Amino acid sequence: MRFRKHLELERGQKEINITPLVDMVFLLLIFFMLTSSFIVLPGITINLPKAVTSEIIKEKNLILTINSDNVLYLNEKPITFSELTGFLDEMVKSKQEKPILIKADKDTQLGTVVKVWDICRKVGVSQINIATLQEMQ
């Protein structure tokens, strides 16, 4: 036994109204855009030099940063050359050696980078890398 009203509704409605669905999607999109927060990584601002043949390093590194004023930082903490020598020497002697990543600003004096590299080599660090920006081809 079918009701007449139900049959009339089925025959009269030819398409589904998706306007409310589109409204909800746009509201959700606006909500997520307004509530999302973009993370700005804290740290020392440097402009890395560009290189064509750079590889992405995936292991955990000790990061030595040299800014444009030739100030040296070890994992974002200021450090002197003598303190760096002592720290790296202790690290090598305790067999807890990690790869070193030197992040030098492109305006840093080359002599400072070479001095840091020499300190790392003198104490026996075996893996030293220099951070660059990879050029798009």
N, C-alpha and C. Protein backbone atom coordinates (compact mmCIF):
# COMPACT_ATOMS: atom_id res chain seq x y z
N MET A 1 0.84 -1.16 0.00
CA MET A 1 0.00 0.00 0.00
C MET A 1 0.90 1.24 0.00
N ARG A 2 0.85 1.97 -1.06
CA ARG A 2 1.66 3.17 -1.21
C ARG A 2 0.82 4.40 -0.97
N PHE A 3 1.49 5.38 -0.37
CA PHE A 3 0.79 6.64 -0.15
C PHE A 3 0.99 7.54 -1.36
N ARG A 4 -0.03 8.24 -1.71
CA ARG A 4 -0.01 9.10 -2.88
C ARG A 4 1.01 10.24 -2.73
N LYS A 5 1.12 10.83 -1.56
CA LYS A 5 2.03 11.95 -1.35
C LYS A 5 3.49 11.54 -1.60
N HIS A 6 3.86 10.36 -1.14
CA HIS A 6 5.22 9.88 -1.29
C HIS A 6 5.58 9.71 -2.77
N LEU A 7 4.68 9.17 -3.56
CA LEU A 7 4.92 8.99 -4.98
C LEU A 7 5.06 10.32 -5.70
N GLU A 8 4.29 11.30 -5.31
CA GLU A 8 4.37 12.61 -5.95
C GLU A 8 5.72 13.27 -5.67
N LEU A 9 6.24 13.09 -4.47
CA LEU A 9 7.54 13.66 -4.13
C LEU A 9 8.66 12.99 -4.94
N GLU A 10 8.58 11.68 -5.10
CA GLU A 10 9.60 10.96 -5.86
C GLU A 10 9.61 11.37 -7.32
N ARG A 11 8.45 11.55 -7.91
CA ARG A 11 8.37 11.91 -9.33
C ARG A 11 8.73 13.38 -9.55
N GLY A 12 8.41 14.24 -8.61
CA GLY A 12 8.64 15.67 -8.78
C GLY A 12 10.09 16.08 -8.59
N GLN A 13 10.82 15.36 -7.80
CA GLN A 13 12.21 15.75 -7.50
C GLN A 13 13.14 15.02 -8.47
N LYS A 14 13.69 15.76 -9.43
CA LYS A 14 14.52 15.16 -10.47
C LYS A 14 16.02 15.21 -10.14
N GLU A 15 16.47 16.20 -9.37
CA GLU A 15 17.89 16.33 -9.06
C GLU A 15 18.09 16.68 -7.58
N ILE A 16 19.27 16.40 -7.10
CA ILE A 16 19.60 16.66 -5.70
C ILE A 16 20.16 18.07 -5.59
N ASN A 17 19.72 18.81 -4.63
CA ASN A 17 20.20 20.17 -4.40
C ASN A 17 21.50 20.10 -3.58
N ILE A 18 22.64 20.47 -4.20
CA ILE A 18 23.92 20.39 -3.50
C ILE A 18 24.41 21.75 -3.01
N THR A 19 23.59 22.76 -3.12
CA THR A 19 23.99 24.09 -2.67
C THR A 19 24.37 24.11 -1.19
N PRO A 20 23.60 23.48 -0.30
CA PRO A 20 24.02 23.47 1.11
C PRO A 20 25.36 22.74 1.32
N LEU A 21 25.60 21.70 0.53
CA LEU A 21 26.86 20.97 0.64
C LEU A 21 28.04 21.86 0.24
N VAL A 22 27.90 22.59 -0.85
CA VAL A 22 28.95 23.50 -1.30
C VAL A 22 29.18 24.59 -0.25
N ASP A 23 28.10 25.12 0.33
CA ASP A 23 28.24 26.13 1.38
C ASP A 23 29.03 25.58 2.57
N MET A 24 28.73 24.37 2.97
CA MET A 24 29.43 23.77 4.11
C MET A 24 30.91 23.54 3.79
N VAL A 25 31.21 23.10 2.57
CA VAL A 25 32.61 22.88 2.19
C VAL A 25 33.39 24.19 2.24
N PHE A 26 32.81 25.27 1.72
CA PHE A 26 33.49 26.56 1.77
C PHE A 26 33.65 27.07 3.20
N LEU A 27 32.64 26.86 4.03
CA LEU A 27 32.75 27.27 5.43
C LEU A 27 33.87 26.50 6.14
N LEU A 28 33.95 25.19 5.88
CA LEU A 28 35.02 24.40 6.49
C LEU A 28 36.40 24.84 5.97
N LEU A 29 36.48 25.12 4.68
CA LEU A 29 37.74 25.58 4.11
C LEU A 29 38.18 26.90 4.74
N ILE A 30 37.27 27.83 4.86
CA ILE A 30 37.59 29.12 5.49
C ILE A 30 37.97 28.93 6.95
N PHE A 31 37.25 28.06 7.65
CA PHE A 31 37.55 27.79 9.06
C PHE A 31 38.98 27.26 9.22
N PHE A 32 39.35 26.26 8.41
CA PHE A 32 40.69 25.68 8.53
C PHE A 32 41.78 26.66 8.11
N MET A 33 41.49 27.49 7.13
CA MET A 33 42.49 28.49 6.72
C MET A 33 42.72 29.52 7.82
N LEU A 34 41.66 29.91 8.52
CA LEU A 34 41.80 30.92 9.56
C LEU A 34 42.38 30.37 10.86
N THR A 35 42.11 29.11 11.16
CA THR A 35 42.58 28.55 12.43
C THR A 35 43.95 27.87 12.32
N SER A 36 44.43 27.64 11.11
CA SER A 36 45.73 26.99 10.99
C SER A 36 46.83 27.99 11.34
N SER A 37 47.86 27.46 11.94
CA SER A 37 49.00 28.32 12.28
C SER A 37 50.21 27.80 11.53
N PHE A 38 50.96 28.70 10.97
CA PHE A 38 52.15 28.33 10.23
C PHE A 38 53.34 28.43 11.17
N ILE A 39 54.14 27.40 11.18
CA ILE A 39 55.27 27.33 12.10
C ILE A 39 56.47 28.05 11.49
N VAL A 40 56.98 29.00 12.22
CA VAL A 40 58.22 29.66 11.84
C VAL A 40 59.31 29.10 12.74
N LEU A 41 60.29 28.48 12.11
CA LEU A 41 61.34 27.86 12.90
C LEU A 41 62.24 28.93 13.51
N PRO A 42 62.41 28.88 14.83
CA PRO A 42 63.29 29.85 15.46
C PRO A 42 64.74 29.53 15.14
N GLY A 43 65.56 30.50 15.23
CA GLY A 43 66.97 30.24 15.00
C GLY A 43 67.68 31.45 14.45
N ILE A 44 68.82 31.21 13.93
CA ILE A 44 69.68 32.25 13.41
C ILE A 44 69.39 32.40 11.92
N THR A 45 69.15 33.62 11.49
CA THR A 45 68.85 33.86 10.09
C THR A 45 70.13 33.97 9.29
N ILE A 46 70.26 33.08 8.31
CA ILE A 46 71.42 33.13 7.42
C ILE A 46 70.95 32.91 5.99
N ASN A 47 71.70 33.42 5.04
CA ASN A 47 71.45 33.19 3.62
C ASN A 47 72.47 32.18 3.13
N LEU A 48 72.01 30.96 2.85
CA LEU A 48 72.93 29.91 2.42
C LEU A 48 73.34 30.13 0.97
N PRO A 49 74.57 29.75 0.63
CA PRO A 49 74.97 29.81 -0.78
C PRO A 49 74.24 28.74 -1.58
N LYS A 50 74.19 28.90 -2.89
CA LYS A 50 73.50 27.93 -3.75
C LYS A 50 74.51 26.97 -4.37
N ALA A 51 74.07 25.73 -4.59
CA ALA A 51 74.92 24.73 -5.23
C ALA A 51 74.07 23.87 -6.15
N VAL A 52 74.67 23.41 -7.23
CA VAL A 52 73.96 22.58 -8.20
C VAL A 52 74.01 21.12 -7.77
N THR A 53 75.10 20.68 -7.20
CA THR A 53 75.29 19.26 -6.89
C THR A 53 75.23 19.00 -5.39
N SER A 54 74.14 19.34 -4.76
CA SER A 54 74.03 19.08 -3.32
C SER A 54 73.10 17.90 -3.08
N GLU A 55 73.38 17.16 -2.01
CA GLU A 55 72.56 16.01 -1.63
C GLU A 55 71.87 16.31 -0.31
N ILE A 56 70.72 15.69 -0.11
CA ILE A 56 69.98 15.87 1.13
C ILE A 56 70.55 14.91 2.17
N ILE A 57 70.89 15.44 3.35
CA ILE A 57 71.46 14.63 4.43
C ILE A 57 70.32 14.23 5.35
N LYS A 58 70.22 12.93 5.64
CA LYS A 58 69.09 12.45 6.42
C LYS A 58 69.42 12.11 7.87
N GLU A 59 70.70 12.05 8.22
CA GLU A 59 71.03 11.68 9.60
C GLU A 59 71.12 12.90 10.51
N LYS A 60 71.12 12.64 11.81
CA LYS A 60 71.17 13.71 12.81
C LYS A 60 72.58 14.30 12.84
N ASN A 61 72.67 15.60 12.74
CA ASN A 61 73.95 16.30 12.69
C ASN A 61 74.12 17.24 13.86
N LEU A 62 75.38 17.58 14.14
CA LEU A 62 75.68 18.74 14.96
C LEU A 62 75.71 19.92 14.00
N ILE A 63 74.99 20.96 14.28
CA ILE A 63 74.90 22.08 13.35
C ILE A 63 75.76 23.23 13.85
N LEU A 64 76.77 23.58 13.06
CA LEU A 64 77.62 24.73 13.32
C LEU A 64 77.16 25.84 12.38
N THR A 65 76.65 26.93 12.93
CA THR A 65 76.15 28.03 12.14
C THR A 65 77.11 29.20 12.25
N ILE A 66 77.42 29.81 11.11
CA ILE A 66 78.27 31.00 11.10
C ILE A 66 77.47 32.09 10.40
N ASN A 67 77.14 33.16 11.13
CA ASN A 67 76.34 34.22 10.51
C ASN A 67 77.23 35.19 9.74
N SER A 68 76.62 36.21 9.16
CA SER A 68 77.38 37.15 8.31
C SER A 68 78.38 37.99 9.11
N ASP A 69 78.22 38.04 10.45
CA ASP A 69 79.18 38.76 11.30
C ASP A 69 80.29 37.86 11.80
N ASN A 70 80.38 36.64 11.25
CA ASN A 70 81.39 35.64 11.61
C ASN A 70 81.28 35.19 13.06
N VAL A 71 80.07 35.18 13.60
CA VAL A 71 79.83 34.65 14.95
C VAL A 71 79.46 33.18 14.80
N LEU A 72 80.06 32.34 15.63
CA LEU A 72 79.90 30.89 15.55
C LEU A 72 78.86 30.41 16.56
N TYR A 73 77.96 29.52 16.11
CA TYR A 73 76.93 28.94 16.97
C TYR A 73 76.99 27.43 16.83
N LEU A 74 76.86 26.72 17.95
CA LEU A 74 76.75 25.26 17.94
C LEU A 74 75.34 24.93 18.38
N ASN A 75 74.55 24.37 17.48
CA ASN A 75 73.14 24.09 17.74
C ASN A 75 72.43 25.30 18.33
N GLU A 76 72.61 26.46 17.70
CA GLU A 76 71.96 27.73 18.02
C GLU A 76 72.44 28.38 19.32
N LYS A 77 73.55 27.89 19.90
CA LYS A 77 74.12 28.52 21.09
C LYS A 77 75.48 29.10 20.71
N PRO A 78 75.74 30.36 21.06
CA PRO A 78 77.04 30.96 20.71
C PRO A 78 78.20 30.19 21.33
N ILE A 79 79.27 30.06 20.58
CA ILE A 79 80.43 29.31 21.04
C ILE A 79 81.69 29.95 20.43
N THR A 80 82.79 29.89 21.16
CA THR A 80 84.06 30.41 20.63
C THR A 80 84.81 29.27 19.95
N PHE A 81 85.87 29.63 19.23
CA PHE A 81 86.65 28.62 18.53
C PHE A 81 87.33 27.66 19.51
N SER A 82 87.82 28.18 20.64
CA SER A 82 88.48 27.31 21.62
C SER A 82 87.47 26.37 22.29
N GLU A 83 86.27 26.88 22.59
CA GLU A 83 85.22 26.02 23.16
C GLU A 83 84.81 24.95 22.16
N LEU A 84 84.74 25.31 20.88
CA LEU A 84 84.39 24.34 19.84
C LEU A 84 85.43 23.24 19.76
N THR A 85 86.70 23.62 19.82
CA THR A 85 87.78 22.63 19.79
C THR A 85 87.65 21.65 20.95
N GLY A 86 87.42 22.17 22.15
CA GLY A 86 87.27 21.31 23.33
C GLY A 86 86.05 20.41 23.22
N PHE A 87 84.93 20.95 22.76
CA PHE A 87 83.71 20.16 22.64
C PHE A 87 83.88 19.03 21.63
N LEU A 88 84.42 19.35 20.45
CA LEU A 88 84.59 18.33 19.42
C LEU A 88 85.62 17.28 19.83
N ASP A 89 86.69 17.71 20.51
CA ASP A 89 87.71 16.77 20.98
C ASP A 89 87.10 15.79 21.97
N GLU A 90 86.29 16.31 22.89
CA GLU A 90 85.61 15.45 23.87
C GLU A 90 84.65 14.48 23.18
N MET A 91 83.94 14.97 22.16
CA MET A 91 82.99 14.13 21.44
C MET A 91 83.71 12.98 20.72
N VAL A 92 84.83 13.28 20.08
CA VAL A 92 85.58 12.25 19.35
C VAL A 92 86.18 11.24 20.32
N LYS A 93 86.72 11.72 21.45
CA LYS A 93 87.33 10.81 22.43
C LYS A 93 86.30 9.89 23.08
N SER A 94 85.08 10.37 23.25
CA SER A 94 84.04 9.55 23.90
C SER A 94 83.33 8.64 22.90
N LYS A 95 83.79 8.61 21.66
CA LYS A 95 83.24 7.74 20.60
C LYS A 95 81.76 8.02 20.33
N GLN A 96 81.32 9.25 20.53
CA GLN A 96 79.94 9.63 20.24
C GLN A 96 79.92 10.62 19.08
N GLU A 97 80.75 10.35 18.09
CA GLU A 97 80.90 11.29 16.98
C GLU A 97 79.65 11.34 16.12
N LYS A 98 79.23 12.56 15.80
CA LYS A 98 78.11 12.79 14.90
C LYS A 98 78.64 13.58 13.70
N PRO A 99 77.98 13.47 12.55
CA PRO A 99 78.39 14.30 11.42
C PRO A 99 78.20 15.78 11.74
N ILE A 100 79.08 16.61 11.22
CA ILE A 100 79.02 18.05 11.43
C ILE A 100 78.41 18.69 10.18
N LEU A 101 77.44 19.57 10.37
CA LEU A 101 76.86 20.34 9.27
C LEU A 101 77.19 21.80 9.51
N ILE A 102 77.98 22.37 8.61
CA ILE A 102 78.36 23.79 8.71
C ILE A 102 77.38 24.60 7.87
N LYS A 103 76.63 25.47 8.54
CA LYS A 103 75.69 26.36 7.84
C LYS A 103 76.28 27.76 7.91
N ALA A 104 76.93 28.17 6.84
CA ALA A 104 77.59 29.48 6.81
C ALA A 104 76.80 30.42 5.91
N ASP A 105 76.59 31.63 6.37
CA ASP A 105 75.95 32.66 5.56
C ASP A 105 76.81 32.92 4.33
N LYS A 106 76.16 33.26 3.22
CA LYS A 106 76.94 33.47 1.99
C LYS A 106 77.85 34.69 2.09
N ASP A 107 77.59 35.58 3.07
CA ASP A 107 78.44 36.75 3.27
C ASP A 107 79.52 36.53 4.32
N THR A 108 79.61 35.32 4.85
CA THR A 108 80.64 34.99 5.84
C THR A 108 82.01 34.97 5.17
N GLN A 109 83.02 35.40 5.90
CA GLN A 109 84.38 35.34 5.36
C GLN A 109 84.79 33.88 5.19
N LEU A 110 85.39 33.58 4.07
CA LEU A 110 85.81 32.22 3.78
C LEU A 110 86.81 31.71 4.80
N GLY A 111 87.64 32.60 5.32
CA GLY A 111 88.64 32.21 6.32
C GLY A 111 88.01 31.63 7.57
N THR A 112 86.84 32.14 7.96
CA THR A 112 86.15 31.62 9.15
C THR A 112 85.67 30.20 8.91
N VAL A 113 85.12 29.95 7.72
CA VAL A 113 84.64 28.60 7.39
C VAL A 113 85.82 27.63 7.34
N VAL A 114 86.92 28.06 6.75
CA VAL A 114 88.11 27.21 6.67
C VAL A 114 88.66 26.92 8.07
N LYS A 115 88.64 27.91 8.95
CA LYS A 115 89.12 27.73 10.32
C LYS A 115 88.27 26.68 11.05
N VAL A 116 86.94 26.76 10.89
CA VAL A 116 86.05 25.77 11.51
C VAL A 116 86.32 24.39 10.93
N TRP A 117 86.49 24.31 9.61
CA TRP A 117 86.78 23.04 8.94
C TRP A 117 88.09 22.46 9.48
N ASP A 118 89.12 23.29 9.62
CA ASP A 118 90.41 22.83 10.14
C ASP A 118 90.31 22.32 11.57
N ILE A 119 89.52 23.00 12.40
CA ILE A 119 89.32 22.55 13.78
C ILE A 119 88.69 21.16 13.78
N CYS A 120 87.68 20.97 12.94
CA CYS A 120 87.00 19.66 12.87
C CYS A 120 87.98 18.58 12.43
N ARG A 121 88.79 18.86 11.43
CA ARG A 121 89.77 17.88 10.94
C ARG A 121 90.85 17.60 11.98
N LYS A 122 91.31 18.64 12.67
CA LYS A 122 92.39 18.48 13.64
C LYS A 122 91.99 17.57 14.80
N VAL A 123 90.75 17.67 15.27
CA VAL A 123 90.31 16.84 16.39
C VAL A 123 89.88 15.44 15.94
N GLY A 124 89.74 15.23 14.63
CA GLY A 124 89.45 13.88 14.14
C GLY A 124 88.01 13.63 13.71
N VAL A 125 87.24 14.67 13.48
CA VAL A 125 85.87 14.46 12.98
C VAL A 125 85.97 13.96 11.55
N SER A 126 85.29 12.84 11.26
CA SER A 126 85.45 12.22 9.95
C SER A 126 84.45 12.71 8.91
N GLN A 127 83.29 13.17 9.33
CA GLN A 127 82.27 13.58 8.35
C GLN A 127 81.87 15.03 8.58
N ILE A 128 82.24 15.89 7.63
CA ILE A 128 81.93 17.32 7.71
C ILE A 128 81.18 17.69 6.43
N ASN A 129 80.04 18.36 6.58
CA ASN A 129 79.23 18.78 5.43
C ASN A 129 79.01 20.28 5.50
N ILE A 130 78.81 20.89 4.34
CA ILE A 130 78.48 22.32 4.27
C ILE A 130 77.09 22.44 3.67
N ALA A 131 76.21 23.17 4.36
CA ALA A 131 74.82 23.34 3.91
C ALA A 131 74.77 24.36 2.78
N THR A 132 73.98 24.03 1.76
CA THR A 132 73.74 24.94 0.64
C THR A 132 72.27 24.88 0.26
N LEU A 133 71.82 25.83 -0.51
CA LEU A 133 70.49 25.77 -1.11
C LEU A 133 70.63 25.08 -2.45
N GLN A 134 69.72 24.15 -2.72
CA GLN A 134 69.79 23.43 -3.98
C GLN A 134 69.16 24.27 -5.08
N GLU A 135 69.89 24.51 -6.15
CA GLU A 135 69.38 25.32 -7.25
C GLU A 135 68.39 24.51 -8.07
N MET A 136 67.29 25.15 -8.44
CA MET A 136 66.31 24.50 -9.31
C MET A 136 66.80 24.58 -10.75
N GLN A 137 66.66 23.48 -11.47
CA GLN A 137 67.14 23.47 -12.85
C GLN A 137 65.99 23.55 -13.82
